[in-house]
PDB file of N, CA and C in Angstrom:
ATOM      1  N   MET A   1     -48.114 -47.770 157.083  1.00  0.00           N
ATOM      2  CA  MET A   1     -47.528 -46.457 157.272  1.00  0.00           C
ATOM      3  C   MET A   1     -46.129 -46.576 157.867  1.00  0.00           C
ATOM      4  N   MET A   2     -45.980 -47.414 158.841  1.00  0.00           N
ATOM      5  CA  MET A   2     -44.681 -47.602 159.454  1.00  0.00           C
ATOM      6  C   MET A   2     -43.688 -48.197 158.448  1.00  0.00           C
ATOM      7  N   GLU A   3     -44.176 -49.049 157.566  1.00  0.00           N
ATOM      8  CA  GLU A   3     -43.328 -49.637 156.533  1.00  0.00           C
ATOM      9  C   GLU A   3     -42.853 -48.571 155.554  1.00  0.00           C
ATOM     10  N   ASP A   4     -43.717 -47.599 155.245  1.00  0.00           N
ATOM     11  CA  ASP A   4     -43.328 -46.506 154.356  1.00  0.00           C
ATOM     12  C   ASP A   4     -42.189 -45.682 154.953  1.00  0.00           C
ATOM     13  N   ASP A   5     -42.286 -45.407 156.257  1.00  0.00           N
ATOM     14  CA  ASP A   5     -41.227 -44.650 156.932  1.00  0.00           C
ATOM     15  C   ASP A   5     -39.913 -45.420 156.915  1.00  0.00           C
ATOM     16  N   ALA A   6     -39.981 -46.708 157.166  1.00  0.00           N
ATOM     17  CA  ALA A   6     -38.781 -47.537 157.162  1.00  0.00           C
ATOM     18  C   ALA A   6     -38.171 -47.574 155.760  1.00  0.00           C
ATOM     19  N   ALA A   7     -39.011 -47.692 154.743  1.00  0.00           N
ATOM     20  CA  ALA A   7     -38.526 -47.721 153.362  1.00  0.00           C
ATOM     21  C   ALA A   7     -37.856 -46.400 152.996  1.00  0.00           C
ATOM     22  N   LYS A   8     -38.415 -45.285 153.447  1.00  0.00           N
ATOM     23  CA  LYS A   8     -37.815 -43.977 153.166  1.00  0.00           C
ATOM     24  C   LYS A   8     -36.471 -43.821 153.853  1.00  0.00           C
ATOM     25  N   ARG A   9     -36.359 -44.315 155.097  1.00  0.00           N
ATOM     26  CA  ARG A   9     -35.082 -44.239 155.811  1.00  0.00           C
ATOM     27  C   ARG A   9     -34.026 -45.101 155.124  1.00  0.00           C
ATOM     28  N   ILE A  10     -34.436 -46.293 154.693  1.00  0.00           N
ATOM     29  CA  ILE A  10     -33.510 -47.177 153.988  1.00  0.00           C
ATOM     30  C   ILE A  10     -33.055 -46.541 152.686  1.00  0.00           C
ATOM     31  N   GLU A  11     -33.985 -45.951 151.943  1.00  0.00           N
ATOM     32  CA  GLU A  11     -33.644 -45.294 150.678  1.00  0.00           C
ATOM     33  C   GLU A  11     -32.660 -44.147 150.904  1.00  0.00           C
ATOM     34  N   ALA A  12     -32.886 -43.362 151.950  1.00  0.00           N
ATOM     35  CA  ALA A  12     -31.985 -42.247 152.256  1.00  0.00           C
ATOM     36  C   ALA A  12     -30.586 -42.751 152.583  1.00  0.00           C
ATOM     37  N   LYS A  13     -30.510 -43.840 153.331  1.00  0.00           N
ATOM     38  CA  LYS A  13     -29.204 -44.399 153.678  1.00  0.00           C
ATOM     39  C   LYS A  13     -28.506 -44.968 152.452  1.00  0.00           C
ATOM     40  N   LEU A  14     -29.249 -45.579 151.564  1.00  0.00           N
ATOM     41  CA  LEU A  14     -28.666 -46.097 150.331  1.00  0.00           C
ATOM     42  C   LEU A  14     -28.135 -44.967 149.459  1.00  0.00           C
ATOM     43  N   ASP A  15     -28.851 -43.848 149.426  1.00  0.00           N
ATOM     44  CA  ASP A  15     -28.378 -42.688 148.658  1.00  0.00           C
ATOM     45  C   ASP A  15     -27.037 -42.194 149.202  1.00  0.00           C
ATOM     46  N   VAL A  16     -26.889 -42.199 150.521  1.00  0.00           N
ATOM     47  CA  VAL A  16     -25.619 -41.788 151.129  1.00  0.00           C
ATOM     48  C   VAL A  16     -24.516 -42.756 150.722  1.00  0.00           C
ATOM     49  N   ILE A  17     -24.791 -44.045 150.755  1.00  0.00           N
ATOM     50  CA  ILE A  17     -23.795 -45.045 150.375  1.00  0.00           C
ATOM     51  C   ILE A  17     -23.384 -44.864 148.916  1.00  0.00           C
ATOM     52  N   ILE A  18     -24.353 -44.618 148.052  1.00  0.00           N
ATOM     53  CA  ILE A  18     -24.053 -44.397 146.630  1.00  0.00           C
ATOM     54  C   ILE A  18     -23.127 -43.200 146.471  1.00  0.00           C
ATOM     55  N   ARG A  19     -23.416 -42.118 147.180  1.00  0.00           N
ATOM     56  CA  ARG A  19     -22.574 -40.909 147.078  1.00  0.00           C
ATOM     57  C   ARG A  19     -21.157 -41.183 147.569  1.00  0.00           C
ATOM     58  N   LEU A  20     -21.050 -41.919 148.663  1.00  0.00           N
ATOM     59  CA  LEU A  20     -19.723 -42.231 149.199  1.00  0.00           C
ATOM     60  C   LEU A  20     -18.917 -43.099 148.238  1.00  0.00           C
ATOM     61  N   LEU A  21     -19.573 -44.058 147.619  1.00  0.00           N
ATOM     62  CA  LEU A  21     -18.879 -44.936 146.683  1.00  0.00           C
ATOM     63  C   LEU A  21     -18.521 -44.221 145.375  1.00  0.00           C
ATOM     64  N   ALA A  22     -19.338 -43.257 144.987  1.00  0.00           N
ATOM     65  CA  ALA A  22     -19.113 -42.548 143.728  1.00  0.00           C
ATOM     66  C   ALA A  22     -18.095 -41.422 143.867  1.00  0.00           C
ATOM     67  N   ALA A  23     -17.868 -40.932 145.065  1.00  0.00           N
ATOM     68  CA  ALA A  23     -16.980 -39.787 145.262  1.00  0.00           C
ATOM     69  C   ALA A  23     -15.580 -39.994 144.665  1.00  0.00           C
ATOM     70  N   PRO A  24     -14.916 -41.131 144.926  1.00  0.00           N
ATOM     71  CA  PRO A  24     -13.581 -41.302 144.335  1.00  0.00           C
ATOM     72  C   PRO A  24     -13.605 -41.389 142.807  1.00  0.00           C
ATOM     73  N   LEU A  25     -14.711 -41.836 142.268  1.00  0.00           N
ATOM     74  CA  LEU A  25     -14.833 -41.977 140.821  1.00  0.00           C
ATOM     75  C   LEU A  25     -14.813 -40.624 140.114  1.00  0.00           C
ATOM     76  N   VAL A  26     -15.364 -39.601 140.759  1.00  0.00           N
ATOM     77  CA  VAL A  26     -15.485 -38.291 140.122  1.00  0.00           C
ATOM     78  C   VAL A  26     -14.451 -37.282 140.607  1.00  0.00           C
ATOM     79  N   GLN A  27     -13.718 -37.614 141.640  1.00  0.00           N
ATOM     80  CA  GLN A  27     -12.762 -36.683 142.224  1.00  0.00           C
ATOM     81  C   GLN A  27     -11.669 -36.310 141.222  1.00  0.00           C
ATOM     82  N   GLY A  28     -11.500 -35.017 141.028  1.00  0.00           N
ATOM     83  CA  GLY A  28     -10.453 -34.516 140.144  1.00  0.00           C
ATOM     84  C   GLY A  28     -10.790 -34.550 138.664  1.00  0.00           C
ATOM     85  N   LYS A  29     -12.001 -34.971 138.320  1.00  0.00           N
ATOM     86  CA  LYS A  29     -12.396 -35.020 136.910  1.00  0.00           C
ATOM     87  C   LYS A  29     -13.275 -33.830 136.574  1.00  0.00           C
ATOM     88  N   LYS A  30     -13.321 -33.502 135.304  1.00  0.00           N
ATOM     89  CA  LYS A  30     -14.243 -32.461 134.850  1.00  0.00           C
ATOM     90  C   LYS A  30     -15.663 -32.991 134.954  1.00  0.00           C
ATOM     91  N   GLN A  31     -16.596 -32.072 135.040  1.00  0.00           N
ATOM     92  CA  GLN A  31     -17.990 -32.455 135.216  1.00  0.00           C
ATOM     93  C   GLN A  31     -18.483 -33.382 134.109  1.00  0.00           C
ATOM     94  N   ALA A  32     -18.129 -33.093 132.879  1.00  0.00           N
ATOM     95  CA  ALA A  32     -18.606 -33.909 131.761  1.00  0.00           C
ATOM     96  C   ALA A  32     -18.125 -35.359 131.896  1.00  0.00           C
ATOM     97  N   GLU A  33     -16.877 -35.538 132.286  1.00  0.00           N
ATOM     98  CA  GLU A  33     -16.337 -36.887 132.472  1.00  0.00           C
ATOM     99  C   GLU A  33     -17.042 -37.604 133.612  1.00  0.00           C
ATOM    100  N   SER A  34     -17.275 -36.885 134.700  1.00  0.00           N
ATOM    101  CA  SER A  34     -17.943 -37.465 135.862  1.00  0.00           C
ATOM    102  C   SER A  34     -19.366 -37.889 135.524  1.00  0.00           C
ATOM    103  N   VAL A  35     -20.068 -37.026 134.825  1.00  0.00           N
ATOM    104  CA  VAL A  35     -21.455 -37.317 134.457  1.00  0.00           C
ATOM    105  C   VAL A  35     -21.520 -38.569 133.583  1.00  0.00           C
ATOM    106  N   GLN A  36     -20.643 -38.664 132.617  1.00  0.00           N
ATOM    107  CA  GLN A  36     -20.641 -39.828 131.727  1.00  0.00           C
ATOM    108  C   GLN A  36     -20.326 -41.108 132.495  1.00  0.00           C
ATOM    109  N   ALA A  37     -19.361 -41.046 133.400  1.00  0.00           N
ATOM    110  CA  ALA A  37     -18.987 -42.230 134.179  1.00  0.00           C
ATOM    111  C   ALA A  37     -20.136 -42.690 135.065  1.00  0.00           C
ATOM    112  N   LEU A  38     -20.794 -41.757 135.716  1.00  0.00           N
ATOM    113  CA  LEU A  38     -21.899 -42.112 136.607  1.00  0.00           C
ATOM    114  C   LEU A  38     -23.117 -42.613 135.825  1.00  0.00           C
ATOM    115  N   ALA A  39     -23.362 -42.016 134.674  1.00  0.00           N
ATOM    116  CA  ALA A  39     -24.471 -42.474 133.835  1.00  0.00           C
ATOM    117  C   ALA A  39     -24.211 -43.896 133.341  1.00  0.00           C
ATOM    118  N   ALA A  40     -22.963 -44.196 133.026  1.00  0.00           N
ATOM    119  CA  ALA A  40     -22.604 -45.539 132.570  1.00  0.00           C
ATOM    120  C   ALA A  40     -22.845 -46.571 133.668  1.00  0.00           C
ATOM    121  N   LEU A  41     -22.804 -46.132 134.922  1.00  0.00           N
ATOM    122  CA  LEU A  41     -23.075 -47.031 136.044  1.00  0.00           C
ATOM    123  C   LEU A  41     -24.566 -47.204 136.310  1.00  0.00           C
ATOM    124  N   GLY A  42     -25.384 -46.431 135.597  1.00  0.00           N
ATOM    125  CA  GLY A  42     -26.827 -46.584 135.727  1.00  0.00           C
ATOM    126  C   GLY A  42     -27.502 -45.633 136.692  1.00  0.00           C
ATOM    127  N   LEU A  43     -26.783 -44.631 137.169  1.00  0.00           N
ATOM    128  CA  LEU A  43     -27.399 -43.661 138.066  1.00  0.00           C
ATOM    129  C   LEU A  43     -28.302 -42.727 137.265  1.00  0.00           C
ATOM    130  N   ASP A  44     -29.365 -42.264 137.897  1.00  0.00           N
ATOM    131  CA  ASP A  44     -30.269 -41.358 137.195  1.00  0.00           C
ATOM    132  C   ASP A  44     -29.777 -39.912 137.340  1.00  0.00           C
ATOM    133  N   ARG A  45     -30.406 -39.004 136.602  1.00  0.00           N
ATOM    134  CA  ARG A  45     -29.942 -37.614 136.549  1.00  0.00           C
ATOM    135  C   ARG A  45     -29.903 -36.939 137.913  1.00  0.00           C
ATOM    136  N   SER A  46     -30.923 -37.187 138.738  1.00  0.00           N
ATOM    137  CA  SER A  46     -30.958 -36.536 140.049  1.00  0.00           C
ATOM    138  C   SER A  46     -29.845 -37.059 140.949  1.00  0.00           C
ATOM    139  N   GLN A  47     -29.536 -38.344 140.871  1.00  0.00           N
ATOM    140  CA  GLN A  47     -28.436 -38.889 141.664  1.00  0.00           C
ATOM    141  C   GLN A  47     -27.102 -38.322 141.184  1.00  0.00           C
ATOM    142  N   ILE A  48     -26.922 -38.271 139.880  1.00  0.00           N
ATOM    143  CA  ILE A  48     -25.687 -37.726 139.315  1.00  0.00           C
ATOM    144  C   ILE A  48     -25.540 -36.258 139.701  1.00  0.00           C
ATOM    145  N   ALA A  49     -26.626 -35.511 139.623  1.00  0.00           N
ATOM    146  CA  ALA A  49     -26.589 -34.088 139.975  1.00  0.00           C
ATOM    147  C   ALA A  49     -26.175 -33.894 141.432  1.00  0.00           C
ATOM    148  N   ALA A  50     -26.694 -34.721 142.319  1.00  0.00           N
ATOM    149  CA  ALA A  50     -26.345 -34.604 143.736  1.00  0.00           C
ATOM    150  C   ALA A  50     -24.867 -34.901 143.962  1.00  0.00           C
ATOM    151  N   ILE A  51     -24.358 -35.916 143.288  1.00  0.00           N
ATOM    152  CA  ILE A  51     -22.946 -36.298 143.447  1.00  0.00           C
ATOM    153  C   ILE A  51     -22.028 -35.232 142.873  1.00  0.00           C
ATOM    154  N   CYS A  52     -22.402 -34.666 141.732  1.00  0.00           N
ATOM    155  CA  CYS A  52     -21.564 -33.668 141.040  1.00  0.00           C
ATOM    156  C   CYS A  52     -21.839 -32.244 141.491  1.00  0.00           C
ATOM    157  N   ASP A  53     -22.741 -32.069 142.447  1.00  0.00           N
ATOM    158  CA  ASP A  53     -23.100 -30.744 142.962  1.00  0.00           C
ATOM    159  C   ASP A  53     -23.534 -29.806 141.836  1.00  0.00           C
ATOM    160  N   THR A  54     -24.516 -30.274 141.083  1.00  0.00           N
ATOM    161  CA  THR A  54     -25.060 -29.486 139.986  1.00  0.00           C
ATOM    162  C   THR A  54     -26.549 -29.794 139.866  1.00  0.00           C
ATOM    163  N   SER A  55     -27.186 -29.306 138.824  1.00  0.00           N
ATOM    164  CA  SER A  55     -28.620 -29.535 138.639  1.00  0.00           C
ATOM    165  C   SER A  55     -28.854 -30.690 137.666  1.00  0.00           C
ATOM    166  N   PRO A  56     -30.027 -31.318 137.765  1.00  0.00           N
ATOM    167  CA  PRO A  56     -30.359 -32.359 136.787  1.00  0.00           C
ATOM    168  C   PRO A  56     -30.351 -31.833 135.351  1.00  0.00           C
ATOM    169  N   ASP A  57     -30.690 -30.561 135.161  1.00  0.00           N
ATOM    170  CA  ASP A  57     -30.649 -29.977 133.813  1.00  0.00           C
ATOM    171  C   ASP A  57     -29.219 -29.899 133.279  1.00  0.00           C
ATOM    172  N   ALA A  58     -28.270 -29.580 134.141  1.00  0.00           N
ATOM    173  CA  ALA A  58     -26.871 -29.552 133.717  1.00  0.00           C
ATOM    174  C   ALA A  58     -26.396 -30.957 133.357  1.00  0.00           C
ATOM    175  N   VAL A  59     -26.844 -31.950 134.109  1.00  0.00           N
ATOM    176  CA  VAL A  59     -26.498 -33.343 133.803  1.00  0.00           C
ATOM    177  C   VAL A  59     -27.064 -33.724 132.441  1.00  0.00           C
ATOM    178  N   ARG A  60     -28.307 -33.341 132.201  1.00  0.00           N
ATOM    179  CA  ARG A  60     -28.936 -33.627 130.912  1.00  0.00           C
ATOM    180  C   ARG A  60     -28.143 -32.993 129.777  1.00  0.00           C
ATOM    181  N   ALA A  61     -27.700 -31.765 129.983  1.00  0.00           N
ATOM    182  CA  ALA A  61     -26.932 -31.066 128.944  1.00  0.00           C
ATOM    183  C   ALA A  61     -25.601 -31.769 128.676  1.00  0.00           C
ATOM    184  N   ARG A  62     -24.893 -32.167 129.743  1.00  0.00           N
ATOM    185  CA  ARG A  62     -23.609 -32.858 129.559  1.00  0.00           C
ATOM    186  C   ARG A  62     -23.803 -34.187 128.829  1.00  0.00           C
ATOM    187  N   LEU A  63     -24.865 -34.929 129.170  1.00  0.00           N
ATOM    188  CA  LEU A  63     -25.126 -36.205 128.497  1.00  0.00           C
ATOM    189  C   LEU A  63     -25.492 -35.985 127.035  1.00  0.00           C
ATOM    190  N   SER A  64     -26.246 -34.937 126.767  1.00  0.00           N
ATOM    191  CA  SER A  64     -26.621 -34.619 125.397  1.00  0.00           C
ATOM    192  C   SER A  64     -25.391 -34.251 124.571  1.00  0.00           C
ATOM    193  N   GLU A  65     -24.503 -33.448 125.150  1.00  0.00           N
ATOM    194  CA  GLU A  65     -23.272 -33.068 124.450  1.00  0.00           C
ATOM    195  C   GLU A  65     -22.424 -34.303 124.140  1.00  0.00           C
ATOM    196  N   ALA A  66     -22.344 -35.203 125.100  1.00  0.00           N
ATOM    197  CA  ALA A  66     -21.547 -36.424 124.903  1.00  0.00           C
ATOM    198  C   ALA A  66     -22.160 -37.299 123.812  1.00  0.00           C
ATOM    199  N   LYS A  67     -23.472 -37.374 123.805  1.00  0.00           N
ATOM    200  CA  LYS A  67     -24.166 -38.189 122.805  1.00  0.00           C
ATOM    201  C   LYS A  67     -23.935 -37.636 121.401  1.00  0.00           C
ATOM    202  N   ARG A  68     -23.916 -36.323 121.282  1.00  0.00           N
ATOM    203  CA  ARG A  68     -23.710 -35.674 119.977  1.00  0.00           C
ATOM    204  C   ARG A  68     -22.243 -35.620 119.583  1.00  0.00           C
ATOM    205  N   GLY A  69     -21.360 -35.951 120.523  1.00  0.00           N
ATOM    206  CA  GLY A  69     -19.936 -35.899 120.232  1.00  0.00           C
ATOM    207  C   GLY A  69     -19.364 -34.502 120.268  1.00  0.00           C
ATOM    208  N   ARG A  70     -20.106 -33.581 120.879  1.00  0.00           N
ATOM    209  CA  ARG A  70     -19.638 -32.199 120.970  1.00  0.00           C
ATOM    210  C   ARG A  70     -18.687 -32.030 122.147  1.00  0.00           C
ATOM    211  N   GLU A  71     -17.823 -31.066 122.038  1.00  0.00           N
ATOM    212  CA  GLU A  71     -16.933 -30.704 123.136  1.00  0.00           C
ATOM    213  C   GLU A  71     -17.788 -30.067 124.233  1.00  0.00           C
ATOM    214  N   PRO A  72     -17.704 -30.556 125.469  1.00  0.00           N
ATOM    215  CA  PRO A  72     -18.532 -29.978 126.534  1.00  0.00           C
ATOM    216  C   PRO A  72     -18.121 -28.557 126.859  1.00  0.00           C
ATOM    217  N   ARG A  73     -19.120 -27.736 127.148  1.00  0.00           N
ATOM    218  CA  ARG A  73     -18.850 -26.370 127.576  1.00  0.00           C
ATOM    219  C   ARG A  73     -18.320 -26.400 128.993  1.00  0.00           C
ATOM    220  N   PRO A  74     -17.345 -25.564 129.328  1.00  0.00           N
ATOM    221  CA  PRO A  74     -16.852 -25.554 130.709  1.00  0.00           C
ATOM    222  C   PRO A  74     -17.932 -25.046 131.653  1.00  0.00           C
ATOM    223  N   THR A  75     -18.019 -25.651 132.813  1.00  0.00           N
ATOM    224  CA  THR A  75     -18.983 -25.195 133.824  1.00  0.00           C
ATOM    225  C   THR A  75     -18.445 -23.927 134.472  1.00  0.00           C
ATOM    226  N   ARG A  76     -19.280 -23.250 135.234  1.00  0.00           N
ATOM    227  CA  ARG A  76     -18.841 -22.033 135.906  1.00  0.00           C
ATOM    228  C   ARG A  76     -17.681 -22.332 136.855  1.00  0.00           C
ATOM    229  N   LYS A  77     -17.785 -23.451 137.561  1.00  0.00           N
ATOM    230  CA  LYS A  77     -16.715 -23.804 138.515  1.00  0.00           C
ATOM    231  C   LYS A  77     -15.417 -24.105 137.773  1.00  0.00           C
ATOM    232  N   GLU A  78     -15.507 -24.767 136.643  1.00  0.00           N
ATOM    233  CA  GLU A  78     -14.314 -25.095 135.868  1.00  0.00           C
ATOM    234  C   GLU A  78     -13.694 -23.857 135.227  1.00  0.00           C
ATOM    235  N   ALA A  79     -14.507 -22.866 134.910  1.00  0.00           N
ATOM    236  CA  ALA A  79     -14.025 -21.654 134.261  1.00  0.00           C
ATOM    237  C   ALA A  79     -13.273 -20.746 135.230  1.00  0.00           C
ATOM    238  N   GLU A  80     -13.546 -20.909 136.522  1.00  0.00           N
ATOM    239  CA  GLU A  80     -12.925 -20.027 137.524  1.00  0.00           C
ATOM    240  C   GLU A  80     -11.527 -20.381 137.808  1.00  0.00           C
TER     241      GLU A  80
END
């Protein structure tokens, strides 16, 4: 049980490190570009969503659009 708590704390700290390292990569880019870059690094949808301040479903949509070669739809934040 104590090992589980330690593993959870370590995982939480690693998630923070990942976000800190990924922040410069996505800064100033459109969401679609950021999602593609982070996915190329091997991050999963929930990690990408947390970094890009969006939902995993939005990440899935951006990846699907990129895979199909479609022009990404602007997000609400980008449209404002």
